[in-house]
């Protein structure tokens, strides 16, 4: 039950969104037990954001919520791949991408909780 929320200054085209979506579906498997089958994504693009007091360059804030826990090795790998993906597909420099992780112990779906 992972959820990835991307907030970015860059306006994302449908083709770019589809490319990032496809790669995030693969990348999420770096966390043991997670897969695209349960992945939910949201994209909020064209947002006015400042990073280091500057709004002249594109930036991204990526929130990843998972049910359960994961090891730091998985998070390290995921962060590296997400930064690489956002740089290669969206042109957002890796040093302008923040990635936040949240581990949840309660997660509801289909009228019940896990």
PDB file of N, CA and C in Angstrom:
ATOM      1  N   UNK A   1       0.810  -1.183   0.000  1.00  0.00           N
ATOM      2  CA  UNK A   1       0.000   0.000   0.000  1.00  0.00           C
ATOM      3  C   UNK A   1       0.862   1.259   0.000  1.00  0.00           C
ATOM      4  N   UNK A   2       1.747   1.391  -0.926  1.00  0.00           N
ATOM      5  CA  UNK A   2       2.501   2.640  -0.986  1.00  0.00           C
ATOM      6  C   UNK A   2       1.717   3.744  -1.697  1.00  0.00           C
ATOM      7  N   UNK A   3       1.986   4.965  -1.276  1.00  0.00           N
ATOM      8  CA  UNK A   3       1.428   6.152  -1.910  1.00  0.00           C
ATOM      9  C   UNK A   3       2.579   7.117  -2.150  1.00  0.00           C
ATOM     10  N   UNK A   4       2.714   7.586  -3.386  1.00  0.00           N
ATOM     11  CA  UNK A   4       3.749   8.549  -3.726  1.00  0.00           C
ATOM     12  C   UNK A   4       3.070   9.813  -4.231  1.00  0.00           C
ATOM     13  N   UNK A   5       3.331  10.912  -3.534  1.00  0.00           N
ATOM     14  CA  UNK A   5       2.774  12.209  -3.875  1.00  0.00           C
ATOM     15  C   UNK A   5       3.915  13.102  -4.351  1.00  0.00           C
ATOM     16  N   UNK A   6       3.822  13.562  -5.577  1.00  0.00           N
ATOM     17  CA  UNK A   6       4.833  14.440  -6.153  1.00  0.00           C
ATOM     18  C   UNK A   6       4.280  15.854  -6.250  1.00  0.00           C
ATOM     19  N   UNK A   7       4.993  16.785  -5.639  1.00  0.00           N
ATOM     20  CA  UNK A   7       4.678  18.203  -5.743  1.00  0.00           C
ATOM     21  C   UNK A   7       5.869  18.843  -6.446  1.00  0.00           C
ATOM     22  N   UNK A   8       5.607  19.541  -7.543  1.00  0.00           N
ATOM     23  CA  UNK A   8       6.711  20.108  -8.310  1.00  0.00           C
ATOM     24  C   UNK A   8       6.345  21.456  -8.915  1.00  0.00           C
ATOM     25  N   UNK A   9       7.349  22.258  -9.117  1.00  0.00           N
ATOM     26  CA  UNK A   9       7.168  23.552  -9.768  1.00  0.00           C
ATOM     27  C   UNK A   9       6.952  23.382 -11.272  1.00  0.00           C
ATOM     28  N   UNK A  10       7.459  22.319 -11.811  1.00  0.00           N
ATOM     29  CA  UNK A  10       7.418  22.071 -13.255  1.00  0.00           C
ATOM     30  C   UNK A  10       6.016  21.635 -13.693  1.00  0.00           C
ATOM     31  N   UNK A  11       5.552  22.208 -14.777  1.00  0.00           N
ATOM     32  CA  UNK A  11       4.328  21.717 -15.407  1.00  0.00           C
ATOM     33  C   UNK A  11       4.697  20.422 -16.133  1.00  0.00           C
ATOM     34  N   UNK A  12       4.000  19.354 -15.828  1.00  0.00           N
ATOM     35  CA  UNK A  12       4.325  18.040 -16.372  1.00  0.00           C
ATOM     36  C   UNK A  12       3.343  17.700 -17.495  1.00  0.00           C
ATOM     37  N   UNK A  13       3.879  17.331 -18.634  1.00  0.00           N
ATOM     38  CA  UNK A  13       3.023  16.918 -19.754  1.00  0.00           C
ATOM     39  C   UNK A  13       2.471  15.521 -19.472  1.00  0.00           C
ATOM     40  N   UNK A  14       1.450  15.138 -20.222  1.00  0.00           N
ATOM     41  CA  UNK A  14       0.882  13.797 -20.068  1.00  0.00           C
ATOM     42  C   UNK A  14       1.936  12.729 -20.351  1.00  0.00           C
ATOM     43  N   UNK A  15       2.762  12.955 -21.366  1.00  0.00           N
ATOM     44  CA  UNK A  15       3.799  11.975 -21.717  1.00  0.00           C
ATOM     45  C   UNK A  15       4.832  11.852 -20.595  1.00  0.00           C
ATOM     46  N   UNK A  16       5.230  12.974 -20.016  1.00  0.00           N
ATOM     47  CA  UNK A  16       6.182  12.941 -18.902  1.00  0.00           C
ATOM     48  C   UNK A  16       5.574  12.230 -17.695  1.00  0.00           C
ATOM     49  N   UNK A  17       4.312  12.536 -17.398  1.00  0.00           N
ATOM     50  CA  UNK A  17       3.625  11.909 -16.268  1.00  0.00           C
ATOM     51  C   UNK A  17       3.544  10.397 -16.468  1.00  0.00           C
ATOM     52  N   UNK A  18       3.210   9.970 -17.676  1.00  0.00           N
ATOM     53  CA  UNK A  18       3.119   8.536 -17.960  1.00  0.00           C
ATOM     54  C   UNK A  18       4.481   7.855 -17.808  1.00  0.00           C
ATOM     55  N   UNK A  19       5.541   8.523 -18.251  1.00  0.00           N
ATOM     56  CA  UNK A  19       6.890   7.953 -18.137  1.00  0.00           C
ATOM     57  C   UNK A  19       7.313   7.835 -16.675  1.00  0.00           C
ATOM     58  N   UNK A  20       7.055   8.873 -15.888  1.00  0.00           N
ATOM     59  CA  UNK A  20       7.402   8.841 -14.464  1.00  0.00           C
ATOM     60  C   UNK A  20       6.563   7.796 -13.744  1.00  0.00           C
ATOM     61  N   UNK A  21       5.269   7.728 -14.062  1.00  0.00           N
ATOM     62  CA  UNK A  21       4.379   6.732 -13.461  1.00  0.00           C
ATOM     63  C   UNK A  21       4.890   5.315 -13.697  1.00  0.00           C
ATOM     64  N   UNK A  22       5.275   5.036 -14.918  1.00  0.00           N
ATOM     65  CA  UNK A  22       5.767   3.699 -15.256  1.00  0.00           C
ATOM     66  C   UNK A  22       7.030   3.355 -14.467  1.00  0.00           C
ATOM     67  N   UNK A  23       7.946   4.305 -14.362  1.00  0.00           N
ATOM     68  CA  UNK A  23       9.200   4.050 -13.635  1.00  0.00           C
ATOM     69  C   UNK A  23       8.968   3.934 -12.135  1.00  0.00           C
ATOM     70  N   UNK A  24       8.084   4.764 -11.576  1.00  0.00           N
ATOM     71  CA  UNK A  24       7.790   4.651 -10.148  1.00  0.00           C
ATOM     72  C   UNK A  24       7.179   3.287  -9.829  1.00  0.00           C
ATOM     73  N   UNK A  25       6.409   2.750 -10.766  1.00  0.00           N
ATOM     74  CA  UNK A  25       5.842   1.413 -10.589  1.00  0.00           C
ATOM     75  C   UNK A  25       6.911   0.344 -10.463  1.00  0.00           C
ATOM     76  N   UNK A  26       8.036   0.544 -11.128  1.00  0.00           N
ATOM     77  CA  UNK A  26       9.163  -0.392 -11.021  1.00  0.00           C
ATOM     78  C   UNK A  26      10.003  -0.109  -9.790  1.00  0.00           C
ATOM     79  N   UNK A  27      10.277   1.171  -9.549  1.00  0.00           N
ATOM     80  CA  UNK A  27      11.161   1.581  -8.463  1.00  0.00           C
ATOM     81  C   UNK A  27      10.611   1.200  -7.092  1.00  0.00           C
ATOM     82  N   UNK A  28       9.294   1.241  -6.917  1.00  0.00           N
ATOM     83  CA  UNK A  28       8.711   0.969  -5.602  1.00  0.00           C
ATOM     84  C   UNK A  28       9.061  -0.434  -5.105  1.00  0.00           C
ATOM     85  N   UNK A  29       9.400  -1.331  -6.018  1.00  0.00           N
ATOM     86  CA  UNK A  29       9.772  -2.697  -5.643  1.00  0.00           C
ATOM     87  C   UNK A  29      11.094  -2.754  -4.876  1.00  0.00           C
ATOM     88  N   UNK A  30      11.821  -1.630  -4.803  1.00  0.00           N
ATOM     89  CA  UNK A  30      13.036  -1.582  -3.975  1.00  0.00           C
ATOM     90  C   UNK A  30      12.699  -1.761  -2.496  1.00  0.00           C
ATOM     91  N   UNK A  31      11.448  -1.474  -2.141  1.00  0.00           N
ATOM     92  CA  UNK A  31      10.995  -1.714  -0.774  1.00  0.00           C
ATOM     93  C   UNK A  31      10.395  -3.113  -0.750  1.00  0.00           C
ATOM     94  N   UNK A  32      10.972  -4.009   0.036  1.00  0.00           N
ATOM     95  CA  UNK A  32      10.481  -5.393   0.067  1.00  0.00           C
ATOM     96  C   UNK A  32       8.973  -5.467   0.337  1.00  0.00           C
ATOM     97  N   UNK A  33       8.300  -6.261  -0.480  1.00  0.00           N
ATOM     98  CA  UNK A  33       6.867  -6.481  -0.322  1.00  0.00           C
ATOM     99  C   UNK A  33       5.992  -5.440  -0.995  1.00  0.00           C
ATOM    100  N   UNK A  34       6.582  -4.432  -1.625  1.00  0.00           N
ATOM    101  CA  UNK A  34       5.794  -3.387  -2.282  1.00  0.00           C
ATOM    102  C   UNK A  34       5.860  -3.574  -3.794  1.00  0.00           C
ATOM    103  N   UNK A  35       4.745  -3.242  -4.456  1.00  0.00           N
ATOM    104  CA  UNK A  35       4.697  -3.398  -5.907  1.00  0.00           C
ATOM    105  C   UNK A  35       3.730  -2.394  -6.510  1.00  0.00           C
ATOM    106  N   UNK A  36       3.781  -2.282  -7.821  1.00  0.00           N
ATOM    107  CA  UNK A  36       2.878  -1.377  -8.530  1.00  0.00           C
ATOM    108  C   UNK A  36       1.421  -1.789  -8.352  1.00  0.00           C
ATOM    109  N   UNK A  37       1.178  -3.050  -8.074  1.00  0.00           N
ATOM    110  CA  UNK A  37      -0.198  -3.549  -7.926  1.00  0.00           C
ATOM    111  C   UNK A  37      -0.973  -2.754  -6.874  1.00  0.00           C
ATOM    112  N   UNK A  38      -0.293  -2.280  -5.823  1.00  0.00           N
ATOM    113  CA  UNK A  38      -0.956  -1.539  -4.746  1.00  0.00           C
ATOM    114  C   UNK A  38      -0.539  -0.074  -4.699  1.00  0.00           C
ATOM    115  N   UNK A  39       0.230   0.378  -5.669  1.00  0.00           N
ATOM    116  CA  UNK A  39       0.765   1.728  -5.666  1.00  0.00           C
ATOM    117  C   UNK A  39      -0.279   2.761  -6.096  1.00  0.00           C
ATOM    118  N   UNK A  40      -0.399   3.829  -5.302  1.00  0.00           N
ATOM    119  CA  UNK A  40      -1.233   4.966  -5.668  1.00  0.00           C
ATOM    120  C   UNK A  40      -0.303   6.167  -5.849  1.00  0.00           C
ATOM    121  N   UNK A  41      -0.552   6.933  -6.912  1.00  0.00           N
ATOM    122  CA  UNK A  41       0.280   8.085  -7.222  1.00  0.00           C
ATOM    123  C   UNK A  41      -0.577   9.345  -7.336  1.00  0.00           C
ATOM    124  N   UNK A  42       0.012  10.476  -6.965  1.00  0.00           N
ATOM    125  CA  UNK A  42      -0.611  11.779  -7.191  1.00  0.00           C
ATOM    126  C   UNK A  42       0.466  12.729  -7.697  1.00  0.00           C
ATOM    127  N   UNK A  43       0.093  13.588  -8.630  1.00  0.00           N
ATOM    128  CA  UNK A  43       1.001  14.592  -9.166  1.00  0.00           C
ATOM    129  C   UNK A  43       0.348  15.958  -9.018  1.00  0.00           C
ATOM    130  N   UNK A  44       1.040  16.855  -8.348  1.00  0.00           N
ATOM    131  CA  UNK A  44       0.594  18.233  -8.206  1.00  0.00           C
ATOM    132  C   UNK A  44       1.694  19.082  -8.816  1.00  0.00           C
ATOM    133  N   UNK A  45       1.490  19.496 -10.063  1.00  0.00           N
ATOM    134  CA  UNK A  45       2.540  20.205 -10.788  1.00  0.00           C
ATOM    135  C   UNK A  45       2.202  21.680 -10.960  1.00  0.00           C
ATOM    136  N   UNK A  46       3.208  22.449 -11.352  1.00  0.00           N
ATOM    137  CA  UNK A  46       3.016  23.875 -11.556  1.00  0.00           C
ATOM    138  C   UNK A  46       2.828  24.645 -10.250  1.00  0.00           C
ATOM    139  N   UNK A  47       3.348  24.109  -9.154  1.00  0.00           N
ATOM    140  CA  UNK A  47       3.196  24.728  -7.844  1.00  0.00           C
ATOM    141  C   UNK A  47       4.314  25.742  -7.619  1.00  0.00           C
ATOM    142  N   UNK A  48       3.969  26.893  -7.076  1.00  0.00           N
ATOM    143  CA  UNK A  48       4.965  27.909  -6.751  1.00  0.00           C
ATOM    144  C   UNK A  48       5.697  27.453  -5.478  1.00  0.00           C
ATOM    145  N   UNK A  49       7.003  27.174  -5.614  1.00  0.00           N
ATOM    146  CA  UNK A  49       7.813  26.741  -4.478  1.00  0.00           C
ATOM    147  C   UNK A  49       9.151  27.467  -4.524  1.00  0.00           C
ATOM    148  N   UNK A  50       9.691  27.689  -3.351  1.00  0.00           N
ATOM    149  CA  UNK A  50      11.028  28.262  -3.221  1.00  0.00           C
ATOM    150  C   UNK A  50      11.936  27.218  -2.601  1.00  0.00           C
ATOM    151  N   UNK A  51      13.123  27.088  -3.127  1.00  0.00           N
ATOM    152  CA  UNK A  51      14.126  26.209  -2.552  1.00  0.00           C
ATOM    153  C   UNK A  51      15.396  27.020  -2.412  1.00  0.00           C
ATOM    154  N   UNK A  52      15.921  27.061  -1.201  1.00  0.00           N
ATOM    155  CA  UNK A  52      17.084  27.909  -0.897  1.00  0.00           C
ATOM    156  C   UNK A  52      16.797  29.377  -1.224  1.00  0.00           C
ATOM    157  N   UNK A  53      15.532  29.773  -1.046  1.00  0.00           N
ATOM    158  CA  UNK A  53      15.139  31.154  -1.286  1.00  0.00           C
ATOM    159  C   UNK A  53      14.990  31.517  -2.746  1.00  0.00           C
ATOM    160  N   UNK A  54      15.028  30.524  -3.631  1.00  0.00           N
ATOM    161  CA  UNK A  54      15.030  30.762  -5.073  1.00  0.00           C
ATOM    162  C   UNK A  54      13.881  30.006  -5.729  1.00  0.00           C
ATOM    163  N   UNK A  55      13.155  30.688  -6.595  1.00  0.00           N
ATOM    164  CA  UNK A  55      12.081  30.024  -7.335  1.00  0.00           C
ATOM    165  C   UNK A  55      12.339  30.000  -8.838  1.00  0.00           C
ATOM    166  N   UNK A  56      13.578  30.282  -9.240  1.00  0.00           N
ATOM    167  CA  UNK A  56      13.881  30.370 -10.674  1.00  0.00           C
ATOM    168  C   UNK A  56      14.192  29.018 -11.315  1.00  0.00           C
ATOM    169  N   UNK A  57      14.444  27.991 -10.506  1.00  0.00           N
ATOM    170  CA  UNK A  57      14.728  26.648 -11.020  1.00  0.00           C
ATOM    171  C   UNK A  57      13.653  25.680 -10.549  1.00  0.00           C
ATOM    172  N   UNK A  58      13.404  24.646 -11.337  1.00  0.00           N
ATOM    173  CA  UNK A  58      12.412  23.645 -10.943  1.00  0.00           C
ATOM    174  C   UNK A  58      12.887  22.851  -9.730  1.00  0.00           C
ATOM    175  N   UNK A  59      11.919  22.506  -8.880  1.00  0.00           N
ATOM    176  CA  UNK A  59      12.161  21.717  -7.677  1.00  0.00           C
ATOM    177  C   UNK A  59      11.042  20.696  -7.538  1.00  0.00           C
ATOM    178  N   UNK A  60      11.287  19.675  -6.717  1.00  0.00           N
ATOM    179  CA  UNK A  60      10.250  18.679  -6.454  1.00  0.00           C
ATOM    180  C   UNK A  60      10.329  18.222  -5.002  1.00  0.00           C
ATOM    181  N   UNK A  61       9.166  17.955  -4.429  1.00  0.00           N
ATOM    182  CA  UNK A  61       9.032  17.384  -3.101  1.00  0.00           C
ATOM    183  C   UNK A  61       8.246  16.092  -3.285  1.00  0.00           C
ATOM    184  N   UNK A  62       8.837  14.987  -2.913  1.00  0.00           N
ATOM    185  CA  UNK A  62       8.229  13.680  -3.139  1.00  0.00           C
ATOM    186  C   UNK A  62       7.975  13.026  -1.789  1.00  0.00           C
ATOM    187  N   UNK A  63       6.711  12.753  -1.502  1.00  0.00           N
ATOM    188  CA  UNK A  63       6.323  12.097  -0.252  1.00  0.00           C
ATOM    189  C   UNK A  63       5.983  10.643  -0.547  1.00  0.00           C
ATOM    190  N   UNK A  64       6.590   9.743   0.213  1.00  0.00           N
ATOM    191  CA  UNK A  64       6.328   8.323   0.026  1.00  0.00           C
ATOM    192  C   UNK A  64       5.820   7.767   1.350  1.00  0.00           C
ATOM    193  N   UNK A  65       4.586   7.281   1.340  1.00  0.00           N
ATOM    194  CA  UNK A  65       3.994   6.661   2.524  1.00  0.00           C
ATOM    195  C   UNK A  65       3.859   5.171   2.257  1.00  0.00           C
ATOM    196  N   UNK A  66       4.237   4.381   3.258  1.00  0.00           N
ATOM    197  CA  UNK A  66       4.075   2.931   3.114  1.00  0.00           C
ATOM    198  C   UNK A  66       3.411   2.371   4.372  1.00  0.00           C
ATOM    199  N   UNK A  67       2.738   1.267   4.201  1.00  0.00           N
ATOM    200  CA  UNK A  67       2.208   0.520   5.331  1.00  0.00           C
ATOM    201  C   UNK A  67       3.325  -0.395   5.813  1.00  0.00           C
ATOM    202  N   UNK A  68       3.700  -0.257   7.070  1.00  0.00           N
ATOM    203  CA  UNK A  68       4.774  -1.072   7.616  1.00  0.00           C
ATOM    204  C   UNK A  68       6.080  -0.292   7.635  1.00  0.00           C
ATOM    205  N   UNK A  69       7.170  -1.046   7.624  1.00  0.00           N
ATOM    206  CA  UNK A  69       8.493  -0.440   7.715  1.00  0.00           C
ATOM    207  C   UNK A  69       9.397  -0.989   6.618  1.00  0.00           C
ATOM    208  N   UNK A  70      10.515  -0.303   6.437  1.00  0.00           N
ATOM    209  CA  UNK A  70      11.528  -0.762   5.483  1.00  0.00           C
ATOM    210  C   UNK A  70      12.891  -0.379   6.038  1.00  0.00           C
ATOM    211  N   UNK A  71      13.927  -1.022   5.547  1.00  0.00           N
ATOM    212  CA  UNK A  71      15.278  -0.745   5.988  1.00  0.00           C
ATOM    213  C   UNK A  71      15.875   0.473   5.306  1.00  0.00           C
ATOM    214  N   UNK A  72      16.905   1.017   5.918  1.00  0.00           N
ATOM    215  CA  UNK A  72      17.539   2.217   5.359  1.00  0.00           C
ATOM    216  C   UNK A  72      18.165   1.946   3.991  1.00  0.00           C
ATOM    217  N   UNK A  73      18.620   0.712   3.735  1.00  0.00           N
ATOM    218  CA  UNK A  73      19.176   0.381   2.421  1.00  0.00           C
ATOM    219  C   UNK A  73      18.130   0.557   1.315  1.00  0.00           C
ATOM    220  N   UNK A  74      16.897   0.122   1.590  1.00  0.00           N
ATOM    221  CA  UNK A  74      15.820   0.266   0.607  1.00  0.00           C
ATOM    222  C   UNK A  74      15.521   1.733   0.361  1.00  0.00           C
ATOM    223  N   UNK A  75      15.477   2.519   1.429  1.00  0.00           N
ATOM    224  CA  UNK A  75      15.207   3.949   1.282  1.00  0.00           C
ATOM    225  C   UNK A  75      16.342   4.649   0.550  1.00  0.00           C
ATOM    226  N   UNK A  76      17.586   4.279   0.850  1.00  0.00           N
ATOM    227  CA  UNK A  76      18.729   4.878   0.149  1.00  0.00           C
ATOM    228  C   UNK A  76      18.645   4.613  -1.350  1.00  0.00           C
ATOM    229  N   UNK A  77      18.341   3.379  -1.709  1.00  0.00           N
ATOM    230  CA  UNK A  77      18.228   3.004  -3.117  1.00  0.00           C
ATOM    231  C   UNK A  77      17.062   3.743  -3.778  1.00  0.00           C
ATOM    232  N   UNK A  78      15.928   3.802  -3.086  1.00  0.00           N
ATOM    233  CA  UNK A  78      14.752   4.471  -3.628  1.00  0.00           C
ATOM    234  C   UNK A  78      15.018   5.962  -3.855  1.00  0.00           C
ATOM    235  N   UNK A  79      15.655   6.615  -2.893  1.00  0.00           N
ATOM    236  CA  UNK A  79      15.968   8.035  -3.045  1.00  0.00           C
ATOM    237  C   UNK A  79      16.869   8.267  -4.256  1.00  0.00           C
ATOM    238  N   UNK A  80      17.903   7.460  -4.397  1.00  0.00           N
ATOM    239  CA  UNK A  80      18.814   7.605  -5.534  1.00  0.00           C
ATOM    240  C   UNK A  80      18.074   7.433  -6.856  1.00  0.00           C
ATOM    241  N   UNK A  81      17.228   6.421  -6.942  1.00  0.00           N
ATOM    242  CA  UNK A  81      16.505   6.160  -8.191  1.00  0.00           C
ATOM    243  C   UNK A  81      15.465   7.229  -8.493  1.00  0.00           C
ATOM    244  N   UNK A  82      14.803   7.738  -7.467  1.00  0.00           N
ATOM    245  CA  UNK A  82      13.812   8.797  -7.680  1.00  0.00           C
ATOM    246  C   UNK A  82      14.506  10.074  -8.152  1.00  0.00           C
ATOM    247  N   UNK A  83      15.601  10.439  -7.506  1.00  0.00           N
ATOM    248  CA  UNK A  83      16.327  11.641  -7.939  1.00  0.00           C
ATOM    249  C   UNK A  83      16.820  11.494  -9.375  1.00  0.00           C
ATOM    250  N   UNK A  84      17.327  10.335  -9.713  1.00  0.00           N
ATOM    251  CA  UNK A  84      17.782  10.075 -11.084  1.00  0.00           C
ATOM    252  C   UNK A  84      16.614  10.159 -12.066  1.00  0.00           C
ATOM    253  N   UNK A  85      15.481   9.579 -11.703  1.00  0.00           N
ATOM    254  CA  UNK A  85      14.293   9.588 -12.557  1.00  0.00           C
ATOM    255  C   UNK A  85      13.783  11.006 -12.798  1.00  0.00           C
ATOM    256  N   UNK A  86      13.669  11.788 -11.753  1.00  0.00           N
ATOM    257  CA  UNK A  86      13.132  13.140 -11.892  1.00  0.00           C
ATOM    258  C   UNK A  86      14.091  14.029 -12.681  1.00  0.00           C
ATOM    259  N   UNK A  87      15.380  13.750 -12.568  1.00  0.00           N
ATOM    260  CA  UNK A  87      16.344  14.511 -13.360  1.00  0.00           C
ATOM    261  C   UNK A  87      16.282  14.101 -14.830  1.00  0.00           C
ATOM    262  N   UNK A  88      16.238  12.789 -15.097  1.00  0.00           N
ATOM    263  CA  UNK A  88      16.270  12.328 -16.489  1.00  0.00           C
ATOM    264  C   UNK A  88      14.952  12.551 -17.230  1.00  0.00           C
ATOM    265  N   UNK A  89      13.826  12.365 -16.576  1.00  0.00           N
ATOM    266  CA  UNK A  89      12.525  12.478 -17.254  1.00  0.00           C
ATOM    267  C   UNK A  89      11.897  13.862 -17.158  1.00  0.00           C
ATOM    268  N   UNK A  90      12.204  14.608 -16.061  1.00  0.00           N
ATOM    269  CA  UNK A  90      11.568  15.908 -15.866  1.00  0.00           C
ATOM    270  C   UNK A  90      12.544  17.073 -15.904  1.00  0.00           C
ATOM    271  N   UNK A  91      13.841  16.762 -15.929  1.00  0.00           N
ATOM    272  CA  UNK A  91      14.836  17.824 -15.971  1.00  0.00           C
ATOM    273  C   UNK A  91      15.009  18.568 -14.656  1.00  0.00           C
ATOM    274  N   UNK A  92      14.569  17.968 -13.549  1.00  0.00           N
ATOM    275  CA  UNK A  92      14.721  18.583 -12.233  1.00  0.00           C
ATOM    276  C   UNK A  92      16.015  18.064 -11.627  1.00  0.00           C
ATOM    277  N   UNK A  93      16.977  18.938 -11.354  1.00  0.00           N
ATOM    278  CA  UNK A  93      18.253  18.486 -10.806  1.00  0.00           C
ATOM    279  C   UNK A  93      18.075  17.725  -9.487  1.00  0.00           C
ATOM    280  N   UNK A  94      18.865  16.689  -9.310  1.00  0.00           N
ATOM    281  CA  UNK A  94      18.767  15.857  -8.105  1.00  0.00           C
ATOM    282  C   UNK A  94      18.958  16.674  -6.833  1.00  0.00           C
ATOM    283  N   UNK A  95      19.751  17.738  -6.915  1.00  0.00           N
ATOM    284  CA  UNK A  95      19.980  18.546  -5.720  1.00  0.00           C
ATOM    285  C   UNK A  95      18.853  19.544  -5.459  1.00  0.00           C
ATOM    286  N   UNK A  96      17.754  19.419  -6.222  1.00  0.00           N
ATOM    287  CA  UNK A  96      16.556  20.225  -5.980  1.00  0.00           C
ATOM    288  C   UNK A  96      15.346  19.337  -5.745  1.00  0.00           C
ATOM    289  N   UNK A  97      15.607  18.096  -5.310  1.00  0.00           N
ATOM    290  CA  UNK A  97      14.549  17.130  -5.012  1.00  0.00           C
ATOM    291  C   UNK A  97      14.669  16.700  -3.556  1.00  0.00           C
ATOM    292  N   UNK A  98      13.597  16.889  -2.814  1.00  0.00           N
ATOM    293  CA  UNK A  98      13.498  16.339  -1.448  1.00  0.00           C
ATOM    294  C   UNK A  98      12.615  15.102  -1.520  1.00  0.00           C
ATOM    295  N   UNK A  99      12.996  14.070  -0.769  1.00  0.00           N
ATOM    296  CA  UNK A  99      12.197  12.848  -0.678  1.00  0.00           C
ATOM    297  C   UNK A  99      11.919  12.593   0.802  1.00  0.00           C
ATOM    298  N   UNK A 100      10.656  12.473   1.145  1.00  0.00           N
ATOM    299  CA  UNK A 100      10.240  12.237   2.536  1.00  0.00           C
ATOM    300  C   UNK A 100       9.558  10.877   2.631  1.00  0.00           C
ATOM    301  N   UNK A 101       9.904  10.121   3.662  1.00  0.00           N
ATOM    302  CA  UNK A 101       9.306   8.810   3.888  1.00  0.00           C
ATOM    303  C   UNK A 101       8.448   8.825   5.141  1.00  0.00           C
ATOM    304  N   UNK A 102       7.332   8.125   5.060  1.00  0.00           N
ATOM    305  CA  UNK A 102       6.456   7.981   6.213  1.00  0.00           C
ATOM    306  C   UNK A 102       6.021   6.525   6.301  1.00  0.00           C
ATOM    307  N   UNK A 103       6.251   5.936   7.455  1.00  0.00           N
ATOM    308  CA  UNK A 103       5.834   4.553   7.703  1.00  0.00           C
ATOM    309  C   UNK A 103       4.564   4.590   8.548  1.00  0.00           C
ATOM    310  N   UNK A 104       3.548   3.879   8.097  1.00  0.00           N
ATOM    311  CA  UNK A 104       2.249   3.882   8.771  1.00  0.00           C
ATOM    312  C   UNK A 104       1.946   2.500   9.357  1.00  0.00           C
ATOM    313  N   UNK A 105       1.377   2.505  10.529  1.00  0.00           N
ATOM    314  CA  UNK A 105       0.982   1.240  11.152  1.00  0.00           C
ATOM    315  C   UNK A 105      -0.505   0.967  10.968  1.00  0.00           C
ATOM    316  N   UNK A 106      -1.235   1.964  10.559  1.00  0.00           N
ATOM    317  CA  UNK A 106      -2.662   1.800  10.290  1.00  0.00           C
ATOM    318  C   UNK A 106      -2.944   2.284   8.867  1.00  0.00           C
ATOM    319  N   UNK A 107      -3.564   1.414   8.089  1.00  0.00           N
ATOM    320  CA  UNK A 107      -3.857   1.744   6.700  1.00  0.00           C
ATOM    321  C   UNK A 107      -5.181   1.092   6.348  1.00  0.00           C
ATOM    322  N   UNK A 108      -6.118   1.895   5.887  1.00  0.00           N
ATOM    323  CA  UNK A 108      -7.430   1.371   5.531  1.00  0.00           C
ATOM    324  C   UNK A 108      -7.615   1.229   4.035  1.00  0.00           C
ATOM    325  N   UNK A 109      -8.428   0.266   3.658  1.00  0.00           N
ATOM    326  CA  UNK A 109      -8.739   0.034   2.255  1.00  0.00           C
ATOM    327  C   UNK A 109      -9.994  -0.825   2.175  1.00  0.00           C
ATOM    328  N   UNK A 110     -10.846  -0.510   1.266  1.00  0.00           N
ATOM    329  CA  UNK A 110     -12.021  -1.330   0.954  1.00  0.00           C
ATOM    330  C   UNK A 110     -12.888  -1.587   2.178  1.00  0.00           C
ATOM    331  N   UNK A 111     -13.049  -0.550   3.010  1.00  0.00           N
ATOM    332  CA  UNK A 111     -13.928  -0.650   4.169  1.00  0.00           C
ATOM    333  C   UNK A 111     -13.350  -1.328   5.391  1.00  0.00           C
ATOM    334  N   UNK A 112     -12.068  -1.645   5.364  1.00  0.00           N
ATOM    335  CA  UNK A 112     -11.431  -2.324   6.504  1.00  0.00           C
ATOM    336  C   UNK A 112     -10.004  -1.793   6.675  1.00  0.00           C
ATOM    337  N   UNK A 113      -9.351  -2.226   7.723  1.00  0.00           N
ATOM    338  CA  UNK A 113      -7.981  -1.815   7.996  1.00  0.00           C
ATOM    339  C   UNK A 113      -7.058  -3.017   7.996  1.00  0.00           C
ATOM    340  N   UNK A 114      -5.813  -2.777   7.615  1.00  0.00           N
ATOM    341  CA  UNK A 114      -4.809  -3.830   7.637  1.00  0.00           C
ATOM    342  C   UNK A 114      -4.215  -3.924   9.024  1.00  0.00           C
TER     343      UNK A 114
END
